[in-house]
């Protein structure tokens, strides 16, 4: 899954640690999500969206080719 978490986190003026505290995970989890090495649950995706005031489509997506 691809994401723009880092872009919107920085725009929201949040550190990885601050975002992690807002959504109830560790800073390391946020780092892994931003690097695309961890696929968060839908619940965590939504928590991140609410924390940075963006919608799901703006932050997370999957390329159709990944399903083929």
PDB file of N, CA and C in Angstrom:
ATOM      1  N   UNK A   1       0.852  -1.177   0.000  1.00  0.00           N
ATOM      2  CA  UNK A   1       0.000   0.000   0.000  1.00  0.00           C
ATOM      3  C   UNK A   1       0.896   1.238   0.000  1.00  0.00           C
ATOM      4  N   UNK A   2       0.553   2.183  -0.832  1.00  0.00           N
ATOM      5  CA  UNK A   2       1.277   3.444  -0.922  1.00  0.00           C
ATOM      6  C   UNK A   2       0.621   4.462   0.013  1.00  0.00           C
ATOM      7  N   UNK A   3       1.407   5.463   0.433  1.00  0.00           N
ATOM      8  CA  UNK A   3       0.815   6.465   1.309  1.00  0.00           C
ATOM      9  C   UNK A   3       1.566   7.789   1.243  1.00  0.00           C
ATOM     10  N   UNK A   4       0.871   8.824   1.682  1.00  0.00           N
ATOM     11  CA  UNK A   4       1.426  10.170   1.793  1.00  0.00           C
ATOM     12  C   UNK A   4       1.454  10.621   3.248  1.00  0.00           C
ATOM     13  N   UNK A   5       1.626   9.683   4.165  1.00  0.00           N
ATOM     14  CA  UNK A   5       1.580  10.015   5.584  1.00  0.00           C
ATOM     15  C   UNK A   5       2.617  11.082   5.927  1.00  0.00           C
ATOM     16  N   UNK A   6       3.842  10.895   5.477  1.00  0.00           N
ATOM     17  CA  UNK A   6       4.899  11.844   5.840  1.00  0.00           C
ATOM     18  C   UNK A   6       4.579  13.252   5.338  1.00  0.00           C
ATOM     19  N   UNK A   7       4.122  13.360   4.107  1.00  0.00           N
ATOM     20  CA  UNK A   7       3.804  14.670   3.531  1.00  0.00           C
ATOM     21  C   UNK A   7       2.768  15.403   4.380  1.00  0.00           C
ATOM     22  N   UNK A   8       1.675  14.720   4.710  1.00  0.00           N
ATOM     23  CA  UNK A   8       0.608  15.374   5.464  1.00  0.00           C
ATOM     24  C   UNK A   8       0.959  15.543   6.938  1.00  0.00           C
ATOM     25  N   UNK A   9       1.791  14.661   7.486  1.00  0.00           N
ATOM     26  CA  UNK A   9       2.261  14.814   8.868  1.00  0.00           C
ATOM     27  C   UNK A   9       3.082  16.097   8.980  1.00  0.00           C
ATOM     28  N   UNK A  10       3.997  16.298   8.031  1.00  0.00           N
ATOM     29  CA  UNK A  10       4.841  17.494   8.039  1.00  0.00           C
ATOM     30  C   UNK A  10       3.981  18.748   7.830  1.00  0.00           C
ATOM     31  N   UNK A  11       3.012  18.672   6.913  1.00  0.00           N
ATOM     32  CA  UNK A  11       2.119  19.817   6.688  1.00  0.00           C
ATOM     33  C   UNK A  11       1.332  20.164   7.946  1.00  0.00           C
ATOM     34  N   UNK A  12       0.997  19.142   8.732  1.00  0.00           N
ATOM     35  CA  UNK A  12       0.251  19.356   9.978  1.00  0.00           C
ATOM     36  C   UNK A  12       1.178  19.778  11.119  1.00  0.00           C
ATOM     37  N   UNK A  13       2.483  19.927  10.806  1.00  0.00           N
ATOM     38  CA  UNK A  13       3.486  20.344  11.788  1.00  0.00           C
ATOM     39  C   UNK A  13       3.567  19.371  12.966  1.00  0.00           C
ATOM     40  N   UNK A  14       3.558  18.079  12.631  1.00  0.00           N
ATOM     41  CA  UNK A  14       3.663  17.036  13.651  1.00  0.00           C
ATOM     42  C   UNK A  14       4.944  16.236  13.444  1.00  0.00           C
ATOM     43  N   UNK A  15       5.593  15.876  14.546  1.00  0.00           N
ATOM     44  CA  UNK A  15       6.712  14.938  14.464  1.00  0.00           C
ATOM     45  C   UNK A  15       6.138  13.531  14.409  1.00  0.00           C
ATOM     46  N   UNK A  16       6.982  12.564  14.073  1.00  0.00           N
ATOM     47  CA  UNK A  16       6.527  11.173  14.105  1.00  0.00           C
ATOM     48  C   UNK A  16       6.037  10.821  15.503  1.00  0.00           C
ATOM     49  N   UNK A  17       6.749  11.275  16.508  1.00  0.00           N
ATOM     50  CA  UNK A  17       6.372  10.975  17.901  1.00  0.00           C
ATOM     51  C   UNK A  17       5.006  11.572  18.242  1.00  0.00           C
ATOM     52  N   UNK A  18       4.769  12.817  17.833  1.00  0.00           N
ATOM     53  CA  UNK A  18       3.486  13.458  18.118  1.00  0.00           C
ATOM     54  C   UNK A  18       2.330  12.749  17.428  1.00  0.00           C
ATOM     55  N   UNK A  19       2.524  12.378  16.156  1.00  0.00           N
ATOM     56  CA  UNK A  19       1.473  11.649  15.439  1.00  0.00           C
ATOM     57  C   UNK A  19       1.228  10.300  16.095  1.00  0.00           C
ATOM     58  N   UNK A  20       2.297   9.627  16.467  1.00  0.00           N
ATOM     59  CA  UNK A  20       2.166   8.327  17.132  1.00  0.00           C
ATOM     60  C   UNK A  20       1.343   8.440  18.416  1.00  0.00           C
ATOM     61  N   UNK A  21       1.613   9.471  19.207  1.00  0.00           N
ATOM     62  CA  UNK A  21       0.837   9.677  20.437  1.00  0.00           C
ATOM     63  C   UNK A  21      -0.631   9.931  20.142  1.00  0.00           C
ATOM     64  N   UNK A  22      -0.914  10.705  19.112  1.00  0.00           N
ATOM     65  CA  UNK A  22      -2.305  11.023  18.747  1.00  0.00           C
ATOM     66  C   UNK A  22      -3.089   9.783  18.343  1.00  0.00           C
ATOM     67  N   UNK A  23      -2.411   8.837  17.665  1.00  0.00           N
ATOM     68  CA  UNK A  23      -3.125   7.674  17.139  1.00  0.00           C
ATOM     69  C   UNK A  23      -2.905   6.407  17.970  1.00  0.00           C
ATOM     70  N   UNK A  24      -2.087   6.499  19.011  1.00  0.00           N
ATOM     71  CA  UNK A  24      -1.938   5.373  19.933  1.00  0.00           C
ATOM     72  C   UNK A  24      -1.001   4.271  19.478  1.00  0.00           C
ATOM     73  N   UNK A  25       0.060   4.639  18.742  1.00  0.00           N
ATOM     74  CA  UNK A  25       1.065   3.657  18.331  1.00  0.00           C
ATOM     75  C   UNK A  25       2.448   4.201  18.683  1.00  0.00           C
ATOM     76  N   UNK A  26       3.491   3.457  18.355  1.00  0.00           N
ATOM     77  CA  UNK A  26       4.849   3.924  18.615  1.00  0.00           C
ATOM     78  C   UNK A  26       5.361   4.765  17.451  1.00  0.00           C
ATOM     79  N   UNK A  27       6.387   5.545  17.724  1.00  0.00           N
ATOM     80  CA  UNK A  27       7.033   6.327  16.671  1.00  0.00           C
ATOM     81  C   UNK A  27       7.581   5.405  15.594  1.00  0.00           C
ATOM     82  N   UNK A  28       8.077   4.247  16.004  1.00  0.00           N
ATOM     83  CA  UNK A  28       8.621   3.281  15.050  1.00  0.00           C
ATOM     84  C   UNK A  28       7.551   2.800  14.080  1.00  0.00           C
ATOM     85  N   UNK A  29       6.342   2.633  14.559  1.00  0.00           N
ATOM     86  CA  UNK A  29       5.241   2.212  13.686  1.00  0.00           C
ATOM     87  C   UNK A  29       4.965   3.277  12.636  1.00  0.00           C
ATOM     88  N   UNK A  30       4.946   4.536  13.045  1.00  0.00           N
ATOM     89  CA  UNK A  30       4.732   5.626  12.087  1.00  0.00           C
ATOM     90  C   UNK A  30       5.851   5.634  11.058  1.00  0.00           C
ATOM     91  N   UNK A  31       7.082   5.449  11.501  1.00  0.00           N
ATOM     92  CA  UNK A  31       8.226   5.411  10.592  1.00  0.00           C
ATOM     93  C   UNK A  31       8.067   4.298   9.565  1.00  0.00           C
ATOM     94  N   UNK A  32       7.680   3.109  10.010  1.00  0.00           N
ATOM     95  CA  UNK A  32       7.498   1.978   9.096  1.00  0.00           C
ATOM     96  C   UNK A  32       6.361   2.227   8.106  1.00  0.00           C
ATOM     97  N   UNK A  33       5.286   2.843   8.566  1.00  0.00           N
ATOM     98  CA  UNK A  33       4.169   3.174   7.671  1.00  0.00           C
ATOM     99  C   UNK A  33       4.643   4.144   6.599  1.00  0.00           C
ATOM    100  N   UNK A  34       5.364   5.191   7.018  1.00  0.00           N
ATOM    101  CA  UNK A  34       5.844   6.191   6.065  1.00  0.00           C
ATOM    102  C   UNK A  34       6.779   5.583   5.022  1.00  0.00           C
ATOM    103  N   UNK A  35       7.556   4.593   5.416  1.00  0.00           N
ATOM    104  CA  UNK A  35       8.485   3.928   4.495  1.00  0.00           C
ATOM    105  C   UNK A  35       7.809   2.859   3.647  1.00  0.00           C
ATOM    106  N   UNK A  36       6.530   2.578   3.923  1.00  0.00           N
ATOM    107  CA  UNK A  36       5.804   1.553   3.175  1.00  0.00           C
ATOM    108  C   UNK A  36       6.172   0.143   3.579  1.00  0.00           C
ATOM    109  N   UNK A  37       6.736  -0.010   4.780  1.00  0.00           N
ATOM    110  CA  UNK A  37       7.155  -1.332   5.251  1.00  0.00           C
ATOM    111  C   UNK A  37       6.159  -1.961   6.214  1.00  0.00           C
ATOM    112  N   UNK A  38       5.072  -1.242   6.502  1.00  0.00           N
ATOM    113  CA  UNK A  38       4.040  -1.753   7.397  1.00  0.00           C
ATOM    114  C   UNK A  38       2.695  -1.277   6.878  1.00  0.00           C
ATOM    115  N   UNK A  39       1.777  -2.200   6.692  1.00  0.00           N
ATOM    116  CA  UNK A  39       0.431  -1.855   6.256  1.00  0.00           C
ATOM    117  C   UNK A  39      -0.481  -1.754   7.477  1.00  0.00           C
ATOM    118  N   UNK A  40      -0.901  -0.550   7.800  1.00  0.00           N
ATOM    119  CA  UNK A  40      -1.748  -0.368   8.982  1.00  0.00           C
ATOM    120  C   UNK A  40      -3.154  -0.912   8.756  1.00  0.00           C
ATOM    121  N   UNK A  41      -3.836  -1.158   9.851  1.00  0.00           N
ATOM    122  CA  UNK A  41      -5.235  -1.575   9.779  1.00  0.00           C
ATOM    123  C   UNK A  41      -6.062  -0.404   9.272  1.00  0.00           C
ATOM    124  N   UNK A  42      -7.258  -0.684   8.833  1.00  0.00           N
ATOM    125  CA  UNK A  42      -8.160   0.376   8.387  1.00  0.00           C
ATOM    126  C   UNK A  42      -8.409   1.360   9.527  1.00  0.00           C
ATOM    127  N   UNK A  43      -8.572   0.848  10.725  1.00  0.00           N
ATOM    128  CA  UNK A  43      -8.803   1.713  11.886  1.00  0.00           C
ATOM    129  C   UNK A  43      -7.634   2.679  12.075  1.00  0.00           C
ATOM    130  N   UNK A  44      -6.412   2.178  11.988  1.00  0.00           N
ATOM    131  CA  UNK A  44      -5.246   3.039  12.150  1.00  0.00           C
ATOM    132  C   UNK A  44      -5.135   4.033  10.996  1.00  0.00           C
ATOM    133  N   UNK A  45      -5.448   3.600   9.787  1.00  0.00           N
ATOM    134  CA  UNK A  45      -5.462   4.522   8.642  1.00  0.00           C
ATOM    135  C   UNK A  45      -6.405   5.687   8.910  1.00  0.00           C
ATOM    136  N   UNK A  46      -7.589   5.388   9.411  1.00  0.00           N
ATOM    137  CA  UNK A  46      -8.571   6.432   9.692  1.00  0.00           C
ATOM    138  C   UNK A  46      -8.109   7.341  10.826  1.00  0.00           C
ATOM    139  N   UNK A  47      -7.500   6.760  11.854  1.00  0.00           N
ATOM    140  CA  UNK A  47      -6.968   7.563  12.965  1.00  0.00           C
ATOM    141  C   UNK A  47      -5.940   8.562  12.446  1.00  0.00           C
ATOM    142  N   UNK A  48      -5.067   8.100  11.553  1.00  0.00           N
ATOM    143  CA  UNK A  48      -4.054   8.975  10.973  1.00  0.00           C
ATOM    144  C   UNK A  48      -4.726  10.080  10.155  1.00  0.00           C
ATOM    145  N   UNK A  49      -5.728   9.716   9.369  1.00  0.00           N
ATOM    146  CA  UNK A  49      -6.456  10.710   8.576  1.00  0.00           C
ATOM    147  C   UNK A  49      -7.067  11.788   9.468  1.00  0.00           C
ATOM    148  N   UNK A  50      -7.711  11.377  10.542  1.00  0.00           N
ATOM    149  CA  UNK A  50      -8.323  12.339  11.455  1.00  0.00           C
ATOM    150  C   UNK A  50      -7.258  13.229  12.096  1.00  0.00           C
ATOM    151  N   UNK A  51      -6.109  12.648  12.432  1.00  0.00           N
ATOM    152  CA  UNK A  51      -5.047  13.396  13.112  1.00  0.00           C
ATOM    153  C   UNK A  51      -4.452  14.493  12.228  1.00  0.00           C
ATOM    154  N   UNK A  52      -4.403  14.252  10.924  1.00  0.00           N
ATOM    155  CA  UNK A  52      -3.825  15.249  10.006  1.00  0.00           C
ATOM    156  C   UNK A  52      -4.898  15.971   9.183  1.00  0.00           C
ATOM    157  N   UNK A  53      -6.162  15.693   9.493  1.00  0.00           N
ATOM    158  CA  UNK A  53      -7.300  16.354   8.856  1.00  0.00           C
ATOM    159  C   UNK A  53      -7.330  16.172   7.336  1.00  0.00           C
ATOM    160  N   UNK A  54      -7.150  14.931   6.900  1.00  0.00           N
ATOM    161  CA  UNK A  54      -7.229  14.568   5.479  1.00  0.00           C
ATOM    162  C   UNK A  54      -8.129  13.351   5.352  1.00  0.00           C
ATOM    163  N   UNK A  55      -8.564  13.056   4.111  1.00  0.00           N
ATOM    164  CA  UNK A  55      -9.405  11.877   3.935  1.00  0.00           C
ATOM    165  C   UNK A  55      -8.558  10.681   3.488  1.00  0.00           C
ATOM    166  N   UNK A  56      -9.149   9.526   3.558  1.00  0.00           N
ATOM    167  CA  UNK A  56      -8.460   8.271   3.269  1.00  0.00           C
ATOM    168  C   UNK A  56      -7.852   8.249   1.875  1.00  0.00           C
ATOM    169  N   UNK A  57      -8.579   8.723   0.875  1.00  0.00           N
ATOM    170  CA  UNK A  57      -8.082   8.718  -0.504  1.00  0.00           C
ATOM    171  C   UNK A  57      -6.876   9.614  -0.710  1.00  0.00           C
ATOM    172  N   UNK A  58      -6.768  10.663   0.087  1.00  0.00           N
ATOM    173  CA  UNK A  58      -5.626  11.567  -0.041  1.00  0.00           C
ATOM    174  C   UNK A  58      -4.342  10.937   0.509  1.00  0.00           C
ATOM    175  N   UNK A  59      -4.477  10.050   1.479  1.00  0.00           N
ATOM    176  CA  UNK A  59      -3.294   9.530   2.174  1.00  0.00           C
ATOM    177  C   UNK A  59      -2.909   8.113   1.754  1.00  0.00           C
ATOM    178  N   UNK A  60      -3.884   7.247   1.568  1.00  0.00           N
ATOM    179  CA  UNK A  60      -3.587   5.837   1.297  1.00  0.00           C
ATOM    180  C   UNK A  60      -4.186   5.376  -0.023  1.00  0.00           C
ATOM    181  N   UNK A  61      -3.462   4.521  -0.738  1.00  0.00           N
ATOM    182  CA  UNK A  61      -3.981   3.923  -1.967  1.00  0.00           C
ATOM    183  C   UNK A  61      -3.177   2.674  -2.294  1.00  0.00           C
ATOM    184  N   UNK A  62      -3.749   1.854  -3.160  1.00  0.00           N
ATOM    185  CA  UNK A  62      -3.088   0.650  -3.669  1.00  0.00           C
ATOM    186  C   UNK A  62      -3.131   0.719  -5.186  1.00  0.00           C
ATOM    187  N   UNK A  63      -1.998   0.522  -5.840  1.00  0.00           N
ATOM    188  CA  UNK A  63      -1.964   0.493  -7.300  1.00  0.00           C
ATOM    189  C   UNK A  63      -2.692  -0.743  -7.794  1.00  0.00           C
ATOM    190  N   UNK A  64      -3.505  -0.581  -8.813  1.00  0.00           N
ATOM    191  CA  UNK A  64      -4.274  -1.709  -9.353  1.00  0.00           C
ATOM    192  C   UNK A  64      -3.384  -2.862  -9.800  1.00  0.00           C
ATOM    193  N   UNK A  65      -2.185  -2.550 -10.275  1.00  0.00           N
ATOM    194  CA  UNK A  65      -1.264  -3.587 -10.745  1.00  0.00           C
ATOM    195  C   UNK A  65      -0.873  -4.549  -9.623  1.00  0.00           C
ATOM    196  N   UNK A  66      -0.940  -4.094  -8.367  1.00  0.00           N
ATOM    197  CA  UNK A  66      -0.592  -4.944  -7.238  1.00  0.00           C
ATOM    198  C   UNK A  66      -1.592  -6.080  -7.076  1.00  0.00           C
ATOM    199  N   UNK A  67      -2.792  -5.932  -7.616  1.00  0.00           N
ATOM    200  CA  UNK A  67      -3.828  -6.952  -7.467  1.00  0.00           C
ATOM    201  C   UNK A  67      -3.783  -7.994  -8.582  1.00  0.00           C
ATOM    202  N   UNK A  68      -3.000  -7.744  -9.627  1.00  0.00           N
ATOM    203  CA  UNK A  68      -2.970  -8.662 -10.763  1.00  0.00           C
ATOM    204  C   UNK A  68      -1.970  -9.762 -10.552  1.00  0.00           C
TER     205      UNK A  68
END
